[in-house]
Amino acid sequence: MFFLPAWRGDLRCGPQYPSPADAGSPAECNPASLHPCCSPQGWCGSTAAHCSCQPCLDFREPDPLSAECFEDERRCPAWSCIPASLWCDDVYGDCPGFEDEADCGDPVLDYTERNGTYYKLVPRRAMTYHDAQKACAVDGGHLADLKTPELQDLILSLILNLSFADFLDIYWGEGCFIGLQNAGDDDTWAWSDGTPLSDCDFSSWAPEEPRNNDGANCGMVLYVPVPNGNNIVWDDTSCDVQHCFICQIGSFVKFRLL
């Protein structure tokens, strides 16, 4: 009889990636390989980010998925244990799939309201564009659509009210994802609700942007200090690069994953 292994050939692991041996179980990592540990982002590897973090799983250990959680820990669904303090702490990604931030009460408590719509800057957890979309969806929202100068000013005020450490991450050119995507091969940019950017009266691209180089199909805001003030501008970047992000709840129809 031929048995399939519990690990995949593409080095993906965790609840979002089914095991070849059992499609209903999360993929594991080969404990005898050079990549024996699973990171919270679902990659097998051997670094401290794969083996030594709190939600990491080291498959060299006996049956890591069946280990009991300590009294001050909670288990991610079908996954490892994390400290109870990380549950509902408004930091996405402690559990794969962001289960630890779901069903955490009224999500708008951490948001800033403007005309019945709510906005939140999430600086502490860099994600790819699509993971950021999913994280916002946990709150019932989506990546923010900055269709007016007034909303742009609101986001600038959120940036300026960050802690010093979080502010430096944005100041040094990291930027934060917003709900702006290149919807096709014809340079058609659109917001999360499907509104084409060309239908809006406001845009704030940085000079000579968007360039659409090397698959730069997702939009982000960059903080730019200017004489006698501050400003934020838009830039295009790869959807697979990890950045902070800005969520919005309200005034939303639908969005499409590229």
C-alpha atoms as a PDB file:
ATOM      1  CA  MET A   1       0.000   0.000   0.000  1.00  0.00           C
ATOM      2  CA  PHE A   2       1.270   3.472  -0.884  1.00  0.00           C
ATOM      3  CA  PHE A   3       1.020   6.199   1.778  1.00  0.00           C
ATOM      4  CA  LEU A   4       1.188   9.890   0.999  1.00  0.00           C
ATOM      5  CA  PRO A   5       3.320  12.069   3.291  1.00  0.00           C
ATOM      6  CA  ALA A   6       1.785  14.711   5.574  1.00  0.00           C
ATOM      7  CA  TRP A   7       3.985  17.426   4.021  1.00  0.00           C
ATOM      8  CA  ARG A   8       3.756  19.145   0.646  1.00  0.00           C
ATOM      9  CA  GLY A   9       6.361  19.583  -2.067  1.00  0.00           C
ATOM     10  CA  ASP A  10       5.866  23.371  -2.200  1.00  0.00           C
ATOM     11  CA  LEU A  11       6.920  23.823   1.469  1.00  0.00           C
ATOM     12  CA  ARG A  12       3.526  25.273   2.450  1.00  0.00           C
ATOM     13  CA  CYS A  13       2.072  24.199   5.789  1.00  0.00           C
ATOM     14  CA  GLY A  14      -0.682  24.964   8.245  1.00  0.00           C
ATOM     15  CA  PRO A  15      -4.489  25.158   8.260  1.00  0.00           C
ATOM     16  CA  GLN A  16      -4.752  26.989   4.937  1.00  0.00           C
ATOM     17  CA  TYR A  17      -2.827  24.244   3.100  1.00  0.00           C
ATOM     18  CA  PRO A  18      -4.292  20.718   3.106  1.00  0.00           C
ATOM     19  CA  SER A  19      -2.090  17.745   3.770  1.00  0.00           C
ATOM     20  CA  PRO A  20      -1.526  15.334   0.841  1.00  0.00           C
ATOM     21  CA  ALA A  21      -2.219  12.494   3.257  1.00  0.00           C
ATOM     22  CA  ASP A  22      -5.549  13.906   4.455  1.00  0.00           C
ATOM     23  CA  ALA A  23      -7.229  16.875   2.763  1.00  0.00           C
ATOM     24  CA  GLY A  24      -9.086  17.616   6.005  1.00  0.00           C
ATOM     25  CA  SER A  25      -5.888  18.092   7.999  1.00  0.00           C
ATOM     26  CA  PRO A  26      -3.298  20.893   7.851  1.00  0.00           C
ATOM     27  CA  ALA A  27      -0.095  20.192   5.985  1.00  0.00           C
ATOM     28  CA  GLU A  28       2.966  19.517   8.138  1.00  0.00           C
ATOM     29  CA  CYS A  29       6.710  19.916   7.516  1.00  0.00           C
ATOM     30  CA  ASN A  30       9.086  17.027   6.947  1.00  0.00           C
ATOM     31  CA  PRO A  31      10.890  16.615  10.302  1.00  0.00           C
ATOM     32  CA  ALA A  32      13.852  14.901   8.614  1.00  0.00           C
ATOM     33  CA  SER A  33      14.351  17.648   6.024  1.00  0.00           C
ATOM     34  CA  LEU A  34      16.152  20.992   6.050  1.00  0.00           C
ATOM     35  CA  HIS A  35      12.752  22.661   6.583  1.00  0.00           C
ATOM     36  CA  PRO A  36      11.254  20.960   9.663  1.00  0.00           C
ATOM     37  CA  CYS A  37       9.272  23.860  11.167  1.00  0.00           C
ATOM     38  CA  CYS A  38       6.129  25.733  10.117  1.00  0.00           C
ATOM     39  CA  SER A  39       5.936  29.531  10.434  1.00  0.00           C
ATOM     40  CA  PRO A  40       2.705  31.416  11.242  1.00  0.00           C
ATOM     41  CA  GLN A  41       2.697  32.516   7.584  1.00  0.00           C
ATOM     42  CA  GLY A  42       2.456  28.890   6.435  1.00  0.00           C
ATOM     43  CA  TRP A  43       6.000  28.195   5.186  1.00  0.00           C
ATOM     44  CA  CYS A  44       8.290  25.322   6.168  1.00  0.00           C
ATOM     45  CA  GLY A  45      11.799  26.405   7.136  1.00  0.00           C
ATOM     46  CA  SER A  46      14.518  26.221   9.767  1.00  0.00           C
ATOM     47  CA  THR A  47      15.038  29.801  10.968  1.00  0.00           C
ATOM     48  CA  ALA A  48      13.947  31.196  14.333  1.00  0.00           C
ATOM     49  CA  ALA A  49      10.918  32.701  12.549  1.00  0.00           C
ATOM     50  CA  HIS A  50       9.882  29.144  11.615  1.00  0.00           C
ATOM     51  CA  CYS A  51      10.891  27.195  14.730  1.00  0.00           C
ATOM     52  CA  SER A  52      11.126  29.476  17.761  1.00  0.00           C
ATOM     53  CA  CYS A  53       8.214  31.926  17.668  1.00  0.00           C
ATOM     54  CA  GLN A  54       5.155  31.419  19.868  1.00  0.00           C
ATOM     55  CA  PRO A  55       2.795  30.081  17.129  1.00  0.00           C
ATOM     56  CA  CYS A  56       5.590  28.245  15.263  1.00  0.00           C
ATOM     57  CA  LEU A  57       5.419  24.450  15.034  1.00  0.00           C
ATOM     58  CA  ASP A  58       8.579  22.339  15.195  1.00  0.00           C
ATOM     59  CA  PHE A  59       7.758  18.944  13.689  1.00  0.00           C
ATOM     60  CA  ARG A  60      10.959  17.488  15.099  1.00  0.00           C
ATOM     61  CA  GLU A  61       9.111  17.509  18.427  1.00  0.00           C
ATOM     62  CA  PRO A  62       6.853  14.547  19.253  1.00  0.00           C
ATOM     63  CA  ASP A  63       3.318  15.221  17.968  1.00  0.00           C
ATOM     64  CA  PRO A  64       3.335  19.035  18.259  1.00  0.00           C
ATOM     65  CA  LEU A  65      -0.308  19.378  17.201  1.00  0.00           C
ATOM     66  CA  SER A  66      -1.580  17.305  20.151  1.00  0.00           C
ATOM     67  CA  ALA A  67       0.368  19.095  22.879  1.00  0.00           C
ATOM     68  CA  GLU A  68      -1.779  20.630  25.603  1.00  0.00           C
ATOM     69  CA  CYS A  69      -1.878  24.398  25.893  1.00  0.00           C
ATOM     70  CA  PHE A  70      -0.686  25.951  29.129  1.00  0.00           C
ATOM     71  CA  GLU A  71      -3.215  27.537  31.453  1.00  0.00           C
ATOM     72  CA  ASP A  72      -2.461  31.063  30.165  1.00  0.00           C
ATOM     73  CA  GLU A  73      -2.641  30.034  26.482  1.00  0.00           C
ATOM     74  CA  ARG A  74      -5.344  29.482  23.869  1.00  0.00           C
ATOM     75  CA  ARG A  75      -5.196  27.199  20.854  1.00  0.00           C
ATOM     76  CA  CYS A  76      -5.566  28.478  17.344  1.00  0.00           C
ATOM     77  CA  PRO A  77      -8.176  26.306  15.576  1.00  0.00           C
ATOM     78  CA  ALA A  78      -6.459  23.059  14.554  1.00  0.00           C
ATOM     79  CA  TRP A  79      -3.090  24.676  15.240  1.00  0.00           C
ATOM     80  CA  SER A  80      -0.585  25.704  17.905  1.00  0.00           C
ATOM     81  CA  CYS A  81      -1.030  27.528  21.208  1.00  0.00           C
ATOM     82  CA  ILE A  82      -0.541  31.263  21.671  1.00  0.00           C
ATOM     83  CA  PRO A  83      -0.614  33.377  24.875  1.00  0.00           C
ATOM     84  CA  ALA A  84      -4.148  34.339  25.853  1.00  0.00           C
ATOM     85  CA  SER A  85      -3.039  37.985  25.845  1.00  0.00           C
ATOM     86  CA  LEU A  86      -2.663  37.792  22.038  1.00  0.00           C
ATOM     87  CA  TRP A  87      -6.333  36.866  21.606  1.00  0.00           C
ATOM     88  CA  CYS A  88      -8.362  39.913  20.546  1.00  0.00           C
ATOM     89  CA  ASP A  89      -5.304  42.193  20.886  1.00  0.00           C
ATOM     90  CA  ASP A  90      -6.006  43.935  17.541  1.00  0.00           C
ATOM     91  CA  VAL A  91      -2.806  42.465  16.075  1.00  0.00           C
ATOM     92  CA  TYR A  92      -3.552  40.281  13.056  1.00  0.00           C
ATOM     93  CA  GLY A  93      -1.628  37.114  12.308  1.00  0.00           C
ATOM     94  CA  ASP A  94      -0.939  35.561  15.717  1.00  0.00           C
ATOM     95  CA  CYS A  95      -3.075  32.644  14.515  1.00  0.00           C
ATOM     96  CA  PRO A  96      -3.034  31.529  10.864  1.00  0.00           C
ATOM     97  CA  GLY A  97      -6.143  32.896   9.189  1.00  0.00           C
ATOM     98  CA  PHE A  98      -6.520  35.593  11.891  1.00  0.00           C
ATOM     99  CA  GLU A  99      -8.894  33.398  13.936  1.00  0.00           C
ATOM    100  CA  ASP A 100      -7.675  35.081  17.118  1.00  0.00           C
ATOM    101  CA  GLU A 101      -9.144  38.418  15.981  1.00  0.00           C
ATOM    102  CA  ALA A 102     -12.537  37.083  14.873  1.00  0.00           C
ATOM    103  CA  ASP A 103     -15.630  37.414  17.103  1.00  0.00           C
ATOM    104  CA  CYS A 104     -13.898  39.930  19.360  1.00  0.00           C
ATOM    105  CA  GLY A 105     -16.886  42.159  20.007  1.00  0.00           C
ATOM    106  CA  ASP A 106     -17.689  45.457  18.313  1.00  0.00           C
ATOM    107  CA  PRO A 107     -14.876  46.010  15.778  1.00  0.00           C
ATOM    108  CA  VAL A 108     -15.513  49.749  15.357  1.00  0.00           C
ATOM    109  CA  LEU A 109     -14.208  50.451  18.871  1.00  0.00           C
ATOM    110  CA  ASP A 110     -10.660  50.630  17.485  1.00  0.00           C
ATOM    111  CA  TYR A 111     -11.648  52.686  14.444  1.00  0.00           C
ATOM    112  CA  THR A 112     -11.973  56.411  13.762  1.00  0.00           C
ATOM    113  CA  GLU A 113     -15.394  57.459  12.458  1.00  0.00           C
ATOM    114  CA  ARG A 114     -15.937  59.880   9.588  1.00  0.00           C
ATOM    115  CA  ASN A 115     -19.482  60.450   8.236  1.00  0.00           C
ATOM    116  CA  GLY A 116     -20.688  57.000   9.267  1.00  0.00           C
ATOM    117  CA  THR A 117     -17.649  55.142   7.902  1.00  0.00           C
ATOM    118  CA  TYR A 118     -14.848  53.842  10.117  1.00  0.00           C
ATOM    119  CA  TYR A 119     -11.094  53.753   9.462  1.00  0.00           C
ATOM    120  CA  LYS A 120      -8.159  52.084  11.183  1.00  0.00           C
ATOM    121  CA  LEU A 121      -4.430  52.132  10.488  1.00  0.00           C
ATOM    122  CA  VAL A 122      -2.786  48.789  11.347  1.00  0.00           C
ATOM    123  CA  PRO A 123       0.966  49.457  11.654  1.00  0.00           C
ATOM    124  CA  ARG A 124       2.082  46.568  13.796  1.00  0.00           C
ATOM    125  CA  ARG A 125       1.622  43.651  11.420  1.00  0.00           C
ATOM    126  CA  ALA A 126       2.995  43.815   7.884  1.00  0.00           C
ATOM    127  CA  MET A 127       1.128  41.622   5.389  1.00  0.00           C
ATOM    128  CA  THR A 128       0.789  41.008   1.692  1.00  0.00           C
ATOM    129  CA  TYR A 129      -2.062  42.843  -0.025  1.00  0.00           C
ATOM    130  CA  HIS A 130      -4.359  39.832  -0.090  1.00  0.00           C
ATOM    131  CA  ASP A 131      -3.686  38.917   3.544  1.00  0.00           C
ATOM    132  CA  ALA A 132      -4.391  42.535   4.500  1.00  0.00           C
ATOM    133  CA  GLN A 133      -7.721  42.297   2.645  1.00  0.00           C
ATOM    134  CA  LYS A 134      -8.569  39.197   4.667  1.00  0.00           C
ATOM    135  CA  ALA A 135      -7.528  40.841   7.934  1.00  0.00           C
ATOM    136  CA  CYS A 136      -9.838  43.803   7.266  1.00  0.00           C
ATOM    137  CA  ALA A 137     -12.622  41.349   6.366  1.00  0.00           C
ATOM    138  CA  VAL A 138     -12.331  39.807   9.853  1.00  0.00           C
ATOM    139  CA  ASP A 139     -13.681  43.146  11.140  1.00  0.00           C
ATOM    140  CA  GLY A 140     -16.382  43.150   8.467  1.00  0.00           C
ATOM    141  CA  GLY A 141     -14.554  45.669   6.314  1.00  0.00           C
ATOM    142  CA  HIS A 142     -12.029  46.037   3.508  1.00  0.00           C
ATOM    143  CA  LEU A 143      -8.933  48.031   2.642  1.00  0.00           C
ATOM    144  CA  ALA A 144      -9.647  51.767   2.746  1.00  0.00           C
ATOM    145  CA  ASP A 145     -10.877  53.678  -0.304  1.00  0.00           C
ATOM    146  CA  LEU A 146      -9.435  57.208  -0.218  1.00  0.00           C
ATOM    147  CA  LYS A 147     -11.732  58.859  -2.729  1.00  0.00           C
ATOM    148  CA  THR A 148     -11.657  62.422  -1.350  1.00  0.00           C
ATOM    149  CA  PRO A 149      -9.073  64.902  -0.033  1.00  0.00           C
ATOM    150  CA  GLU A 150     -10.930  64.882   3.295  1.00  0.00           C
ATOM    151  CA  LEU A 151     -10.343  61.141   3.717  1.00  0.00           C
ATOM    152  CA  GLN A 152      -6.721  61.607   2.717  1.00  0.00           C
ATOM    153  CA  ASP A 153      -6.377  64.216   5.485  1.00  0.00           C
ATOM    154  CA  LEU A 154      -7.989  61.819   7.968  1.00  0.00           C
ATOM    155  CA  ILE A 155      -5.456  59.105   7.140  1.00  0.00           C
ATOM    156  CA  LEU A 156      -2.643  61.635   7.499  1.00  0.00           C
ATOM    157  CA  SER A 157      -3.920  62.483  10.987  1.00  0.00           C
ATOM    158  CA  LEU A 158      -3.944  58.766  11.898  1.00  0.00           C
ATOM    159  CA  ILE A 159      -0.322  58.485  10.741  1.00  0.00           C
ATOM    160  CA  LEU A 160       0.756  61.562  12.708  1.00  0.00           C
ATOM    161  CA  ASN A 161      -0.873  60.148  15.864  1.00  0.00           C
ATOM    162  CA  LEU A 162       1.084  56.881  15.722  1.00  0.00           C
ATOM    163  CA  SER A 163       3.662  55.977  18.324  1.00  0.00           C
ATOM    164  CA  PHE A 164       7.212  57.006  17.444  1.00  0.00           C
ATOM    165  CA  ALA A 165       8.291  53.446  16.557  1.00  0.00           C
ATOM    166  CA  ASP A 166       5.243  52.816  14.338  1.00  0.00           C
ATOM    167  CA  PHE A 167       5.631  56.230  12.708  1.00  0.00           C
ATOM    168  CA  LEU A 168       9.249  55.504  11.742  1.00  0.00           C
ATOM    169  CA  ASP A 169       8.167  52.362   9.866  1.00  0.00           C
ATOM    170  CA  ILE A 170       5.997  54.496   7.589  1.00  0.00           C
ATOM    171  CA  TYR A 171       8.303  57.502   7.505  1.00  0.00           C
ATOM    172  CA  TRP A 172      11.193  55.509   6.049  1.00  0.00           C
ATOM    173  CA  GLY A 173       9.236  54.660   2.941  1.00  0.00           C
ATOM    174  CA  GLU A 174       7.529  51.417   3.935  1.00  0.00           C
ATOM    175  CA  GLY A 175       4.034  52.676   3.187  1.00  0.00           C
ATOM    176  CA  CYS A 176       0.638  51.130   3.982  1.00  0.00           C
ATOM    177  CA  PHE A 177      -1.715  49.278   1.632  1.00  0.00           C
ATOM    178  CA  ILE A 178      -5.020  50.917   0.701  1.00  0.00           C
ATOM    179  CA  GLY A 179      -7.925  49.534  -1.338  1.00  0.00           C
ATOM    180  CA  LEU A 180      -6.469  50.457  -4.723  1.00  0.00           C
ATOM    181  CA  GLN A 181      -5.685  47.790  -7.317  1.00  0.00           C
ATOM    182  CA  ASN A 182      -4.809  47.631 -10.978  1.00  0.00           C
ATOM    183  CA  ALA A 183      -7.880  45.763 -12.145  1.00  0.00           C
ATOM    184  CA  GLY A 184      -6.434  44.511 -15.437  1.00  0.00           C
ATOM    185  CA  ASP A 185      -3.654  44.659 -18.008  1.00  0.00           C
ATOM    186  CA  ASP A 186      -4.837  48.023 -19.353  1.00  0.00           C
ATOM    187  CA  ASP A 187      -3.738  50.089 -16.336  1.00  0.00           C
ATOM    188  CA  THR A 188      -7.290  50.383 -14.988  1.00  0.00           C
ATOM    189  CA  TRP A 189      -6.995  51.203 -11.288  1.00  0.00           C
ATOM    190  CA  ALA A 190     -10.064  50.688  -9.107  1.00  0.00           C
ATOM    191  CA  TRP A 191     -11.059  50.909  -5.458  1.00  0.00           C
ATOM    192  CA  SER A 192     -12.160  48.012  -3.267  1.00  0.00           C
ATOM    193  CA  ASP A 193     -15.843  48.651  -4.006  1.00  0.00           C
ATOM    194  CA  GLY A 194     -15.177  48.369  -7.761  1.00  0.00           C
ATOM    195  CA  THR A 195     -15.255  52.115  -8.497  1.00  0.00           C
ATOM    196  CA  PRO A 196     -12.725  52.929 -11.252  1.00  0.00           C
ATOM    197  CA  LEU A 197     -10.238  55.552 -10.169  1.00  0.00           C
ATOM    198  CA  SER A 198     -10.955  57.329 -13.460  1.00  0.00           C
ATOM    199  CA  ASP A 199     -14.529  57.944 -12.220  1.00  0.00           C
ATOM    200  CA  CYS A 200     -13.289  59.813  -9.147  1.00  0.00           C
ATOM    201  CA  ASP A 201     -12.468  63.512  -8.972  1.00  0.00           C
ATOM    202  CA  PHE A 202      -9.532  62.937  -6.613  1.00  0.00           C
ATOM    203  CA  SER A 203      -6.206  61.134  -6.948  1.00  0.00           C
ATOM    204  CA  SER A 204      -2.892  61.560  -5.172  1.00  0.00           C
ATOM    205  CA  TRP A 205      -0.251  59.616  -7.080  1.00  0.00           C
ATOM    206  CA  ALA A 206       3.363  60.460  -6.356  1.00  0.00           C
ATOM    207  CA  PRO A 207       5.205  62.089  -9.285  1.00  0.00           C
ATOM    208  CA  GLU A 208       5.683  59.696 -12.227  1.00  0.00           C
ATOM    209  CA  GLU A 209       3.443  57.095 -10.590  1.00  0.00           C
ATOM    210  CA  PRO A 210       1.944  54.616 -11.208  1.00  0.00           C
ATOM    211  CA  ARG A 211       4.733  52.945 -13.158  1.00  0.00           C
ATOM    212  CA  ASN A 212       3.290  49.399 -13.069  1.00  0.00           C
ATOM    213  CA  ASN A 213       6.763  47.891 -13.047  1.00  0.00           C
ATOM    214  CA  ASP A 214       7.227  44.155 -12.437  1.00  0.00           C
ATOM    215  CA  GLY A 215       3.646  43.439 -11.455  1.00  0.00           C
ATOM    216  CA  ALA A 216       3.192  46.471  -9.203  1.00  0.00           C
ATOM    217  CA  ASN A 217      -0.594  46.132  -9.198  1.00  0.00           C
ATOM    218  CA  CYS A 218      -1.484  47.210  -5.662  1.00  0.00           C
ATOM    219  CA  GLY A 219      -1.650  50.685  -4.171  1.00  0.00           C
ATOM    220  CA  MET A 220      -0.274  52.070  -0.927  1.00  0.00           C
ATOM    221  CA  VAL A 221       0.118  55.433   0.800  1.00  0.00           C
ATOM    222  CA  LEU A 222       3.528  56.913   1.578  1.00  0.00           C
ATOM    223  CA  TYR A 223       4.156  59.598   4.176  1.00  0.00           C
ATOM    224  CA  VAL A 224       6.081  62.534   2.694  1.00  0.00           C
ATOM    225  CA  PRO A 225       7.223  65.531   4.775  1.00  0.00           C
ATOM    226  CA  VAL A 226       6.948  68.753   2.778  1.00  0.00           C
ATOM    227  CA  PRO A 227       7.944  72.354   3.593  1.00  0.00           C
ATOM    228  CA  ASN A 228       5.594  73.852   6.184  1.00  0.00           C
ATOM    229  CA  GLY A 229       3.587  70.664   6.559  1.00  0.00           C
ATOM    230  CA  ASN A 230       3.117  66.966   5.839  1.00  0.00           C
ATOM    231  CA  ASN A 231       1.531  64.946   3.089  1.00  0.00           C
ATOM    232  CA  ILE A 232       0.782  61.427   1.945  1.00  0.00           C
ATOM    233  CA  VAL A 233       0.913  60.244  -1.659  1.00  0.00           C
ATOM    234  CA  TRP A 234       0.055  57.031  -3.466  1.00  0.00           C
ATOM    235  CA  ASP A 235       2.519  54.572  -4.925  1.00  0.00           C
ATOM    236  CA  ASP A 236       2.127  51.291  -6.782  1.00  0.00           C
ATOM    237  CA  THR A 237       3.886  48.221  -5.431  1.00  0.00           C
ATOM    238  CA  SER A 238       3.871  44.449  -5.689  1.00  0.00           C
ATOM    239  CA  CYS A 239       0.880  42.810  -4.035  1.00  0.00           C
ATOM    240  CA  ASP A 240       3.219  40.174  -2.575  1.00  0.00           C
ATOM    241  CA  VAL A 241       5.402  42.605  -0.607  1.00  0.00           C
ATOM    242  CA  GLN A 242       4.441  42.965   3.061  1.00  0.00           C
ATOM    243  CA  HIS A 243       3.294  46.378   4.332  1.00  0.00           C
ATOM    244  CA  CYS A 244       1.135  47.843   7.058  1.00  0.00           C
ATOM    245  CA  PHE A 245      -2.424  48.553   5.940  1.00  0.00           C
ATOM    246  CA  ILE A 246      -5.517  50.706   6.471  1.00  0.00           C
ATOM    247  CA  CYS A 247      -8.958  49.146   6.991  1.00  0.00           C
ATOM    248  CA  GLN A 248     -12.389  50.635   6.410  1.00  0.00           C
ATOM    249  CA  ILE A 249     -15.811  49.525   7.668  1.00  0.00           C
ATOM    250  CA  GLY A 250     -18.849  50.844   5.825  1.00  0.00           C
ATOM    251  CA  SER A 251     -19.660  52.209   2.332  1.00  0.00           C
ATOM    252  CA  PHE A 252     -18.649  48.935   0.749  1.00  0.00           C
ATOM    253  CA  VAL A 253     -20.166  46.849  -2.056  1.00  0.00           C
ATOM    254  CA  LYS A 254     -17.645  44.194  -3.013  1.00  0.00           C
ATOM    255  CA  PHE A 255     -14.010  43.649  -3.828  1.00  0.00           C
ATOM    256  CA  ARG A 256     -12.215  41.244  -6.119  1.00  0.00           C
ATOM    257  CA  LEU A 257      -9.047  39.308  -5.292  1.00  0.00           C
ATOM    258  CA  LEU A 258      -6.547  39.496  -8.142  1.00  0.00           C
END
